[in-house]
Protein backbone atom coordinates (compact mmCIF):
# COMPACT_ATOMS: atom_id res chain seq x y z
CA ARG A 1 5.86 10.49 4.36
CA LEU A 2 8.42 11.35 1.71
CA ALA A 3 10.81 8.66 2.95
CA VAL A 4 8.13 5.92 2.83
CA ARG A 5 6.88 6.97 -0.60
CA SER A 6 10.37 7.18 -2.06
CA ALA A 7 11.34 3.77 -0.70
CA ALA A 8 8.07 2.23 -1.91
CA HIS A 9 8.57 3.68 -5.36
CA ALA A 10 12.04 2.22 -5.53
CA LEU A 11 10.96 -1.21 -4.28
CA VAL A 12 7.97 -1.49 -6.60
CA GLY A 13 10.10 -0.35 -9.51
CA ALA A 14 12.71 -3.01 -8.73
CA LEU A 15 10.02 -5.70 -8.52
CA SER A 16 8.53 -4.59 -11.81
CA THR A 17 11.81 -4.75 -13.74
CA GLY A 18 13.32 -7.68 -11.87
CA LEU A 19 16.87 -9.01 -12.06
CA THR A 20 15.82 -11.23 -14.93
CA ALA A 21 12.79 -11.41 -17.20
CA SER A 22 11.43 -14.34 -15.18
CA ASP A 23 11.48 -12.33 -11.95
CA ARG A 24 9.41 -9.36 -13.09
CA ALA A 25 6.30 -8.92 -10.97
CA ALA A 26 2.92 -8.27 -12.54
CA VAL A 27 -0.76 -8.28 -11.64
CA MET A 28 -3.63 -9.93 -13.49
CA ILE A 29 -6.40 -7.43 -14.26
CA ASP A 30 -10.07 -8.19 -15.00
CA THR A 31 -10.41 -5.73 -17.89
CA ALA A 32 -14.03 -6.59 -18.61
CA GLY A 33 -15.08 -5.84 -15.02
CA SER A 34 -17.47 -8.79 -15.06
CA GLY A 35 -15.86 -10.71 -12.21
CA VAL A 36 -13.41 -13.61 -12.45
CA SER A 37 -16.07 -16.23 -11.72
CA LYS A 38 -17.95 -14.97 -14.81
CA SER A 39 -15.02 -15.49 -17.17
CA GLY A 40 -13.99 -11.85 -17.41
CA THR A 41 -11.29 -10.91 -19.88
CA LEU A 42 -7.87 -10.95 -18.13
CA SER A 43 -4.74 -9.09 -19.01
CA GLU A 44 -1.35 -8.76 -17.34
CA GLN A 45 -0.12 -5.41 -16.01
CA PRO A 46 3.32 -4.54 -14.56
CA LEU A 47 3.27 -4.09 -10.80
CA ALA A 48 4.37 -0.43 -10.85
CA GLU A 49 1.63 0.46 -13.34
CA ALA A 50 -1.03 -1.43 -11.38
CA LEU A 51 -0.13 0.18 -8.03
CA GLY A 52 -0.19 3.56 -9.73
CA THR A 53 -3.96 3.18 -10.18
CA GLY A 54 -4.67 1.68 -6.74
CA LYS A 55 -5.61 3.41 -3.47
CA HIS A 56 -3.14 3.64 -0.63
CA LEU A 57 -4.01 3.97 3.06
CA GLU A 58 -1.88 6.04 5.45
CA HIS A 59 -1.61 4.83 9.07
CA LEU A 60 -0.58 6.83 12.10
CA HIS A 61 -0.81 4.79 15.31
CA LEU A 62 -0.22 6.31 18.77
CA TYR A 63 0.00 4.04 21.82
CA VAL A 64 -0.14 5.70 25.24
CA GLU A 65 0.43 3.64 28.39
CA GLU A 66 -2.29 3.71 31.05
CA ASP A 67 -1.68 1.79 34.25
CA ALA A 68 -5.12 0.26 34.82
CA MET A 69 -3.91 -2.54 37.10
CA PRO A 70 -5.76 -2.78 40.46
CA ASN A 71 -3.86 -2.20 43.67
CA ALA A 72 -2.19 -5.45 44.63
CA SER A 73 -2.73 -4.78 48.35
CA GLN A 74 -6.50 -4.91 47.79
CA LEU A 75 -6.44 -8.36 46.17
CA PRO A 76 -6.48 -11.71 47.99
CA HIS A 77 -3.54 -12.90 45.89
CA PRO A 78 -0.65 -10.92 44.38
CA TRP A 79 -1.65 -9.38 41.04
CA PRO A 80 0.68 -10.48 38.23
CA ARG A 81 2.49 -7.48 36.81
CA PRO A 82 3.35 -8.26 33.17
CA ARG A 83 6.74 -7.22 31.86
CA THR A 84 5.25 -6.48 28.46
CA LEU A 85 1.90 -5.07 27.32
CA HIS A 86 0.01 -6.80 24.54
CA ALA A 87 -0.80 -4.26 21.81
CA LEU A 88 -1.74 -6.15 18.58
CA ASP A 89 -2.71 -9.77 18.08
CA LEU A 90 -0.96 -11.87 15.46
CA HIS A 91 -2.45 -10.73 12.15
CA THR A 92 -1.80 -10.03 8.48
CA ASP A 93 -2.64 -6.83 6.63
CA ALA A 94 -5.11 -6.79 3.75
CA GLY A 95 -2.99 -4.76 1.36
CA LEU A 96 -0.12 -5.70 -0.94
CA LEU A 97 2.70 -4.06 0.97
CA LEU A 98 2.92 -2.20 4.27
CA GLY A 99 5.79 0.30 4.24
CA PHE A 100 6.62 1.94 7.54
CA LEU A 101 9.27 3.80 9.52
CA PRO A 102 10.87 2.68 12.80
CA PRO A 103 8.63 3.93 15.61
CA ALA A 104 9.29 6.97 17.79
CA SER A 105 8.92 6.43 21.49
CA ALA A 106 9.45 8.06 24.87
CA SER A 107 11.31 4.95 26.01
CA LEU A 108 14.68 3.70 24.80
CA GLU A 109 13.62 0.14 25.47
CA GLN A 110 13.05 -2.22 22.56
CA HIS A 111 9.55 -2.66 21.19
CA PHE A 112 8.81 -6.30 20.49
CA VAL A 113 7.59 -7.14 16.97
CA ASP A 114 7.14 -10.90 16.50
CA VAL A 115 6.72 -12.43 13.01
CA GLU A 116 5.49 -15.90 12.11
CA LEU A 117 7.82 -18.12 10.07
CA PRO A 118 6.53 -20.36 7.25
CA SER A 119 6.97 -23.31 9.59
CA GLY A 120 4.65 -21.71 12.13
CA GLY A 121 7.15 -20.60 14.76
CA LEU A 122 7.51 -17.03 16.00
CA ARG A 123 10.67 -14.95 15.84
CA ARG A 124 11.31 -11.52 17.25
CA LEU A 125 12.68 -8.88 14.83
CA ALA A 126 15.90 -7.07 15.66
CA PRO A 127 15.56 -3.27 16.13
CA PRO A 128 15.87 -1.67 12.66
CA PRO A 129 18.25 1.22 11.92
CA PRO A 130 16.61 4.61 12.62
CA ASP A 131 17.01 5.75 8.99
CA SER A 132 15.43 2.66 7.44
CA VAL A 133 12.06 1.94 5.81
CA LEU A 134 10.62 -1.52 6.37
CA PHE A 135 8.11 -3.46 4.27
CA PHE A 136 5.76 -6.30 5.26
CA ALA A 137 3.82 -8.26 2.65
CA GLY A 138 0.07 -8.39 3.07
CA ASP A 139 -2.70 -10.77 1.95
CA ALA A 140 -2.94 -9.08 -1.44
CA VAL A 141 0.39 -10.64 -2.52
CA GLY A 142 -1.92 -13.27 -3.98
CA THR A 143 -2.38 -10.85 -6.90
CA LEU A 144 1.35 -10.98 -7.87
CA ARG A 145 2.61 -13.11 -10.75
CA ARG A 146 5.93 -13.74 -12.48
CA ARG A 147 5.45 -12.19 -15.87
CA ALA A 148 7.53 -14.45 -18.11
CA GLN A 149 6.65 -17.73 -16.37
CA GLY A 150 2.97 -16.94 -15.72
CA THR A 151 3.26 -18.42 -12.21
CA THR A 152 2.18 -16.95 -8.92
CA SER A 153 4.70 -15.06 -6.79
CA PRO A 154 6.57 -16.99 -4.07
CA TRP A 155 5.80 -14.18 -1.66
CA ARG A 156 3.58 -14.79 1.35
CA SER A 157 1.82 -12.45 3.69
CA LEU A 158 3.73 -11.90 6.93
CA PRO A 159 1.75 -12.50 10.15
CA HIS A 160 3.05 -10.21 12.90
CA ALA A 161 2.17 -9.11 16.43
CA LEU A 162 3.23 -6.22 18.67
CA SER A 163 3.96 -6.12 22.38
CA LEU A 164 5.39 -3.17 24.31
CA PRO A 165 7.65 -3.13 27.37
CA LYS A 166 6.21 -2.01 30.70
CA GLY A 167 6.95 1.67 31.18
CA PHE A 168 7.23 2.51 27.47
CA GLY A 169 5.23 5.74 27.99
CA TRP A 170 4.14 6.36 24.41
CA ARG A 171 4.88 5.01 20.98
CA ALA A 172 4.12 6.65 17.58
CA TRP A 173 4.23 4.78 14.30
CA TYR A 174 3.65 5.87 10.67
CA GLY A 175 3.15 3.66 7.64
CA VAL A 176 1.43 3.35 4.25
CA MET A 177 -0.50 0.30 3.05
CA LEU A 178 -0.18 -0.13 -0.72
CA LEU A 179 -3.32 -1.57 -2.26
CA PRO A 180 -3.69 -3.16 -5.70
CA PRO A 181 -6.37 -1.78 -8.01
CA ASP A 182 -9.93 -2.96 -7.50
CA ASP A 183 -9.88 -5.05 -10.70
CA ALA A 184 -6.68 -6.96 -9.72
CA VAL A 185 -7.33 -10.74 -9.48
CA LEU A 186 -6.65 -12.44 -6.16
CA ARG A 187 -5.28 -16.01 -6.25
CA PRO A 188 -5.12 -16.17 -10.05
CA SER A 189 -4.11 -19.83 -10.07
CA ALA A 190 -6.06 -21.15 -7.10
CA GLY A 191 -7.70 -24.24 -8.56
CA GLY A 192 -8.23 -22.66 -11.96
CA LYS A 193 -7.19 -24.22 -15.25
CA ARG A 194 -4.25 -22.41 -16.81
CA THR A 195 -4.48 -21.26 -20.39
CA HIS A 196 -2.90 -18.64 -22.66
CA LEU A 197 -4.41 -15.26 -23.37
CA SER A 198 -4.23 -13.37 -26.64
CA ASN A 199 -0.98 -11.67 -25.63
CA GLY A 200 0.74 -14.99 -24.98
CA VAL A 201 0.94 -14.89 -21.17
CA ALA A 202 -0.50 -17.42 -18.82
CA GLY A 203 -4.00 -16.68 -17.50
CA ILE A 204 -7.12 -18.35 -16.16
CA GLU A 205 -9.81 -20.16 -18.09
CA SER A 206 -12.12 -20.55 -15.13
CA ASP A 207 -11.71 -20.27 -11.41
CA SER A 208 -14.66 -20.14 -9.09
CA GLU A 209 -12.37 -19.51 -6.12
CA ALA A 210 -10.75 -16.33 -7.51
CA HIS A 211 -12.02 -12.83 -6.82
CA THR A 212 -10.98 -9.33 -7.68
CA PHE A 213 -9.45 -7.26 -4.92
CA GLY A 214 -12.37 -4.83 -5.14
CA GLU A 215 -14.79 -7.68 -4.40
CA PHE A 216 -12.71 -8.78 -1.43
CA TRP A 217 -12.31 -5.22 -0.05
CA THR A 218 -16.02 -4.46 -0.31
CA ALA A 219 -16.97 -7.76 1.38
CA ALA A 220 -14.32 -7.30 4.05
CA ARG A 221 -15.56 -3.83 4.95
CA LYS A 222 -19.12 -5.08 5.33
CA GLN A 223 -18.04 -8.03 7.43
CA VAL A 224 -15.87 -5.98 9.76
CA ILE A 225 -18.52 -3.30 10.27
CA SER A 226 -21.26 -5.84 10.90
CA ASN A 227 -18.98 -8.19 12.86
CA ASP A 228 -20.14 -11.00 10.61
CA THR A 229 -17.51 -13.70 10.18
CA SER A 230 -19.51 -15.90 7.83
CA GLY A 231 -18.66 -16.22 4.15
CA ILE A 232 -15.11 -14.88 4.45
CA ILE A 233 -13.38 -14.66 1.10
CA ALA A 234 -9.65 -14.36 0.41
CA CYS A 235 -8.82 -14.92 4.03
CA GLY A 236 -7.35 -18.41 4.23
CA GLY A 237 -5.51 -20.27 6.95
CA GLY A 238 -8.40 -19.99 9.38
CA GLY A 239 -8.01 -16.21 9.58
CA LEU A 240 -10.80 -13.82 10.50
CA LEU A 241 -11.22 -10.25 9.34
CA SER A 242 -10.57 -7.69 12.09
CA ASP A 243 -9.88 -3.98 12.50
CA LEU A 244 -7.22 -4.17 15.18
CA ALA A 245 -6.58 -0.43 15.30
CA GLY A 246 -10.26 0.47 15.53
CA ALA A 247 -9.78 2.78 12.55
CA CYS A 248 -12.39 4.16 10.18
CA PRO A 249 -12.97 2.06 7.04
CA ALA A 250 -11.68 3.20 3.66
CA GLY A 251 -13.66 6.06 2.18
CA THR A 252 -14.40 7.58 5.60
CA MET A 253 -12.58 9.64 8.22
CA GLN A 254 -12.91 10.33 11.92
CA CYS A 255 -14.97 13.47 12.46
CA TRP A 256 -16.73 14.43 15.70
CA MET A 257 -16.79 11.02 17.42
CA THR A 258 -17.87 9.08 14.27
CA CYS A 259 -16.67 7.89 10.86
CA MET A 260 -17.98 10.16 8.11
CA SER A 261 -17.92 9.48 4.38
CA VAL A 262 -15.43 11.37 2.17
CA THR A 263 -16.42 9.74 -1.12
CA ASP A 264 -17.85 13.06 -2.39
CA LEU A 265 -14.46 14.73 -1.83
CA GLY A 266 -12.48 12.41 -4.06
CA GLN A 267 -11.27 15.40 -6.19
CA CYS A 268 -9.80 17.12 -3.13
CA SER A 269 -6.16 16.31 -3.77
CA GLY A 270 -3.07 17.98 -5.16
CA GLY A 271 -3.09 21.74 -4.76
CA MET A 272 -3.96 25.11 -6.24
CA TRP A 273 -2.54 28.60 -6.73
CA LYS A 274 -4.14 31.28 -4.58
CA PRO A 275 -3.49 35.02 -4.09
CA THR A 276 -1.06 36.00 -1.35
CA GLY A 277 -2.57 39.41 -0.82
CA LEU A 278 0.74 40.98 -1.93
CA GLY A 279 0.03 42.55 -5.32
CA ASN A 280 -0.57 39.97 -8.06
CA THR A 281 1.60 37.27 -6.52
CA LEU A 282 0.33 33.73 -5.98
CA GLU A 283 1.33 30.88 -3.68
CA TRP A 284 0.92 27.13 -3.97
CA THR A 285 -1.49 25.61 -1.42
CA ASN A 286 -2.09 21.92 -0.84
CA LEU A 287 -5.67 20.62 -0.80
CA THR A 288 -6.56 18.22 2.03
CA VAL A 289 -9.76 16.76 3.51
CA GLN A 290 -10.19 17.81 7.14
CA CYS A 291 -12.94 17.68 9.75
CA ARG A 292 -14.26 21.24 9.89
CA ASP A 293 -17.17 23.14 11.32
CA ALA A 294 -19.50 23.73 8.37
CA LYS A 295 -20.63 27.08 9.88
CA SER A 296 -17.36 28.64 10.99
CA GLY A 297 -14.68 26.68 9.10
CA LYS A 298 -12.80 25.92 12.30
CA GLN A 299 -10.88 22.61 12.49
CA TRP A 300 -12.02 19.85 14.84
CA PRO A 301 -10.98 19.39 17.64
CA GLU A 302 -8.09 21.88 17.81
CA GLN A 303 -10.19 24.97 17.14
CA THR A 304 -13.73 23.81 17.93
CA GLY A 305 -13.20 21.68 21.03
CA GLU A 306 -14.61 18.17 21.32
CA MET A 307 -18.25 19.29 20.90
CA CYS A 308 -18.99 20.11 17.25
CA PRO A 309 -22.40 18.88 16.02
CA SER A 310 -22.03 20.80 12.74
CA CYS A 311 -18.61 19.39 11.86
CA LYS A 312 -18.15 17.31 8.73
CA PRO A 313 -15.35 16.47 6.24
CA LEU A 314 -14.59 19.44 3.99
CA CYS A 315 -11.97 20.18 1.35
CA THR A 316 -9.52 22.71 2.77
CA ALA A 317 -6.46 24.58 1.54
CA GLY A 318 -3.50 24.41 3.85
CA ASN A 319 0.24 23.78 4.21
CA SER A 320 1.04 26.79 2.04
CA VAL A 321 4.64 27.78 1.43
CA GLY A 322 4.06 31.52 1.71
CA PRO A 323 2.21 33.98 3.88
CA LEU A 324 -1.55 33.63 4.06
CA PRO A 325 -3.93 36.57 3.88
CA SER A 326 -5.21 37.76 7.25
CA PRO A 327 -8.49 36.03 8.15
CA SER A 328 -11.59 38.14 8.23
CA PRO A 329 -12.85 38.98 11.69
CA GLY A 330 -15.70 36.92 13.10
CA PRO A 331 -18.83 38.20 14.78
CA PRO A 332 -18.13 40.94 17.34
CA GLY A 333 -17.69 39.70 20.87
CA ARG A 334 -17.55 36.04 19.80
CA ALA A 335 -13.97 35.63 18.65
CA GLY A 336 -11.99 32.76 20.08
CA THR A 337 -9.65 33.56 22.96
CA SER A 338 -7.02 31.69 24.87
CA PHE A 339 -9.53 31.16 27.67
CA CYS A 340 -11.63 28.59 25.79
CA VAL A 341 -12.85 27.53 22.33
CA PRO A 342 -16.40 28.74 21.46
CA LEU A 343 -18.76 26.69 19.35
CA SER A 344 -19.81 27.90 15.90
CA GLY A 345 -21.75 31.12 16.32
CA GLY A 346 -20.06 31.83 19.66
CA GLY A 347 -22.06 29.37 21.72
CA GLY A 348 -20.93 27.07 24.51
CA THR A 349 -21.48 23.57 25.87
CA VAL A 350 -23.49 22.78 28.97
CA MET A 351 -20.95 20.30 30.37
CA TYR A 352 -17.51 18.85 29.85
CA MET A 353 -17.79 15.47 28.18
CA ASP A 354 -14.78 13.78 29.78
CA GLY A 355 -15.34 14.55 33.48
CA PHE A 356 -14.36 17.29 35.98
CA ARG A 357 -11.75 19.85 34.97
CA TRP A 358 -10.66 23.33 35.96
CA THR A 359 -12.34 25.80 33.64
CA SER A 360 -9.74 28.52 34.29
CA VAL A 361 -6.92 26.42 32.76
CA SER A 362 -8.78 24.61 30.01
CA GLY A 363 -7.98 26.84 27.08
CA ASP A 364 -8.27 23.97 24.57
CA GLU A 365 -11.80 22.99 25.72
CA THR A 366 -15.16 24.21 24.51
CA CYS A 367 -16.51 27.26 26.37
CA LEU A 368 -19.15 26.61 29.06
CA ALA A 369 -22.63 28.12 28.91
CA PHE A 370 -23.91 29.28 32.30
CA LEU A 371 -27.48 27.89 32.37
CA LEU A 372 -28.57 29.92 29.28
CA PRO A 373 -27.13 29.77 25.71
CA SER A 374 -26.39 33.51 25.75
CA LEU A 375 -24.36 33.36 28.99
CA VAL A 376 -21.10 31.96 27.61
CA ILE A 377 -18.11 31.86 30.01
CA ASP A 378 -15.42 32.84 27.52
CA GLN A 379 -13.43 35.28 29.69
CA GLY A 380 -11.86 35.04 33.11
CA TRP A 381 -14.05 37.80 34.59
CA LYS A 382 -17.15 35.98 33.34
CA LEU A 383 -16.00 32.88 35.19
CA GLY A 384 -15.69 35.02 38.34
CA LEU A 385 -19.25 36.34 37.97
CA ALA A 386 -20.49 32.80 37.37
CA CYS A 387 -18.82 31.60 40.58
CA VAL A 388 -20.42 34.44 42.57
CA ALA A 389 -23.83 33.52 41.03
CA ALA A 390 -23.28 29.86 41.92
CA VAL A 391 -22.55 30.77 45.58
CA ALA A 392 -25.67 32.98 45.64
CA ILE A 393 -27.88 30.30 44.13
CA GLY A 394 -26.59 27.69 46.59
CA ALA A 395 -27.13 30.00 49.54
CA SER A 396 -30.64 30.86 48.33
CA VAL A 397 -31.76 27.29 48.79
CA ASP A 398 -31.43 27.45 52.57
CA ILE A 399 -32.67 31.06 52.76
CA VAL A 400 -35.90 30.29 50.94
CA SER A 401 -36.36 27.08 52.89
CA THR A 402 -36.00 29.05 56.17
CA LEU A 403 -38.62 31.58 55.05
CA ARG A 404 -41.03 28.78 54.22
CA ARG A 405 -40.61 27.21 57.68
CA ARG A 406 -41.22 30.56 59.44
CA LEU A 407 -44.30 31.20 57.31
CA THR A 408 -45.69 27.78 58.20
CA LYS A 409 -45.26 28.47 61.93
CA SER A 410 -47.00 31.89 61.68
CA GLY A 411 -50.35 30.47 60.68
CA HIS A 412 -52.30 28.07 58.55
CA GLY A 413 -54.57 30.31 56.53
CA ARG A 414 -55.27 30.00 52.82
CA VAL A 415 -52.79 32.77 51.95
CA GLN A 416 -50.05 31.20 54.02
CA SER A 417 -50.64 27.83 52.39
CA CYS A 418 -50.47 29.26 48.86
CA VAL A 419 -47.30 31.20 49.63
CA GLY A 420 -45.79 28.15 51.30
CA ILE A 421 -46.45 26.01 48.19
CA CYS A 422 -44.80 28.66 45.99
CA LEU A 423 -41.75 28.82 48.29
CA GLN A 424 -41.48 25.01 48.30
CA ALA A 425 -41.53 25.05 44.49
CA LEU A 426 -38.84 27.75 44.53
CA VAL A 427 -36.68 25.63 46.86
CA LEU A 428 -36.95 22.63 44.54
CA GLY A 429 -36.16 24.81 41.51
CA LEU A 430 -33.07 26.33 43.12
CA ALA A 431 -31.87 22.91 44.26
CA TYR A 432 -32.28 21.63 40.70
CA ILE A 433 -30.27 24.58 39.36
CA VAL A 434 -27.52 23.76 41.85
CA MET A 435 -27.49 20.21 40.51
CA LEU A 436 -27.15 21.52 36.95
CA LEU A 437 -24.21 23.71 37.97
CA VAL A 438 -22.47 20.69 39.51
CA MET A 439 -23.17 18.66 36.35
CA THR A 440 -21.23 21.13 34.20
CA TYR A 441 -18.21 19.19 35.57
CA SER A 442 -16.42 22.48 36.20
CA PHE A 443 -14.50 22.36 39.47
CA GLU A 444 -15.00 26.08 40.05
CA LEU A 445 -18.77 26.06 39.58
CA ALA A 446 -19.25 22.83 41.51
CA LEU A 447 -17.20 24.01 44.53
CA CYS A 448 -18.89 27.41 44.60
CA SER A 449 -22.34 25.76 44.50
CA ILE A 450 -21.40 23.52 47.48
CA LEU A 451 -19.98 26.58 49.28
CA GLY A 452 -23.27 28.37 48.83
CA LEU A 453 -25.18 25.44 50.35
CA LEU A 454 -22.90 25.52 53.40
CA LEU A 455 -23.39 29.25 54.09
């Protein structure tokens, strides 16, 4: 993060000062906030100053290879095995600049990044040095201007695509998208009549095709979320808005299987001094927004497991440079152990959400509840008791069924009929309980239930 930010600061500073006065980059700002199409008052702002007030989006992409190809022997014709895997379609980014580091990967093979030339052809980038920081221009370069000349920047957004070699294993990539401020004017000379503002720089008298970046960003978010491709603004060349990474939109974060708003936590940044617990000494602690359990304060999913209905974005203090005070103990008998991760309040889930797994070696998963909320399997010996109970319940199905059959053969009186109906209901209830034990998706409980049925 420090390398990308330092390189971005240096690049933006160089663009703002320029080699000559005519090369200095600036951004047109709608100071009145009334919208360009409504003849808002425009002023010119150096690029470094403008980006200092804009929002910037951090990206961390992780690609993991999964061989989902069908077995070639089961197909009537040989299945084509591609040499490369298609990861990202040809696209441009919405921001001004995308600064990123060379990717980390399990494979030493080259990762193929193709860029589109101004003529329309594609060229593959050479592997960058490992200690470099790269920058791609995005669609918001339409906000840049040459300060002295009052002309638009010659920069263009760089369309690029990503493909990965077969057998790459995994690939991790970190970057930051630099966004102009919301009141920056996109396409400041697109069809508009050029005039001079009060400070003597070139501006716009009227331009119905120009928009502020905030207008574009708001419209883009709505269109991507609703999958509506009509009325696209600031997306020329036949392009369509798309979220290729499937990421949460700006102003939200991923928290318990959904994108939750963090707009109310805008002040959660920087840091604070807090007591160390050693006399009157203090330590500096960074403030970050994290997905936490609102009841217990545990972090999702590392400490809560995947199931966390009470999780939401919260402002947290972390990454301290000194020792932290010892946490206060939780409720007795409900503390987390290495066996599993209990829900807030010490509860457990009724099933694993991602399929069968071995409960005895799933220390990072949410604890299982054995039929009742109070029967949480959070220790190894509790799992053993649950397995014995599962065998007993499974075996009871055949035992009760045998008793019912013998009772039916002994006579057909009213008492025998009533008892037979009760036993039949008990058989159905026990069979349903066995089904629930199998549906926990715990290998141990499922196998013990089947073993009980076989006894």
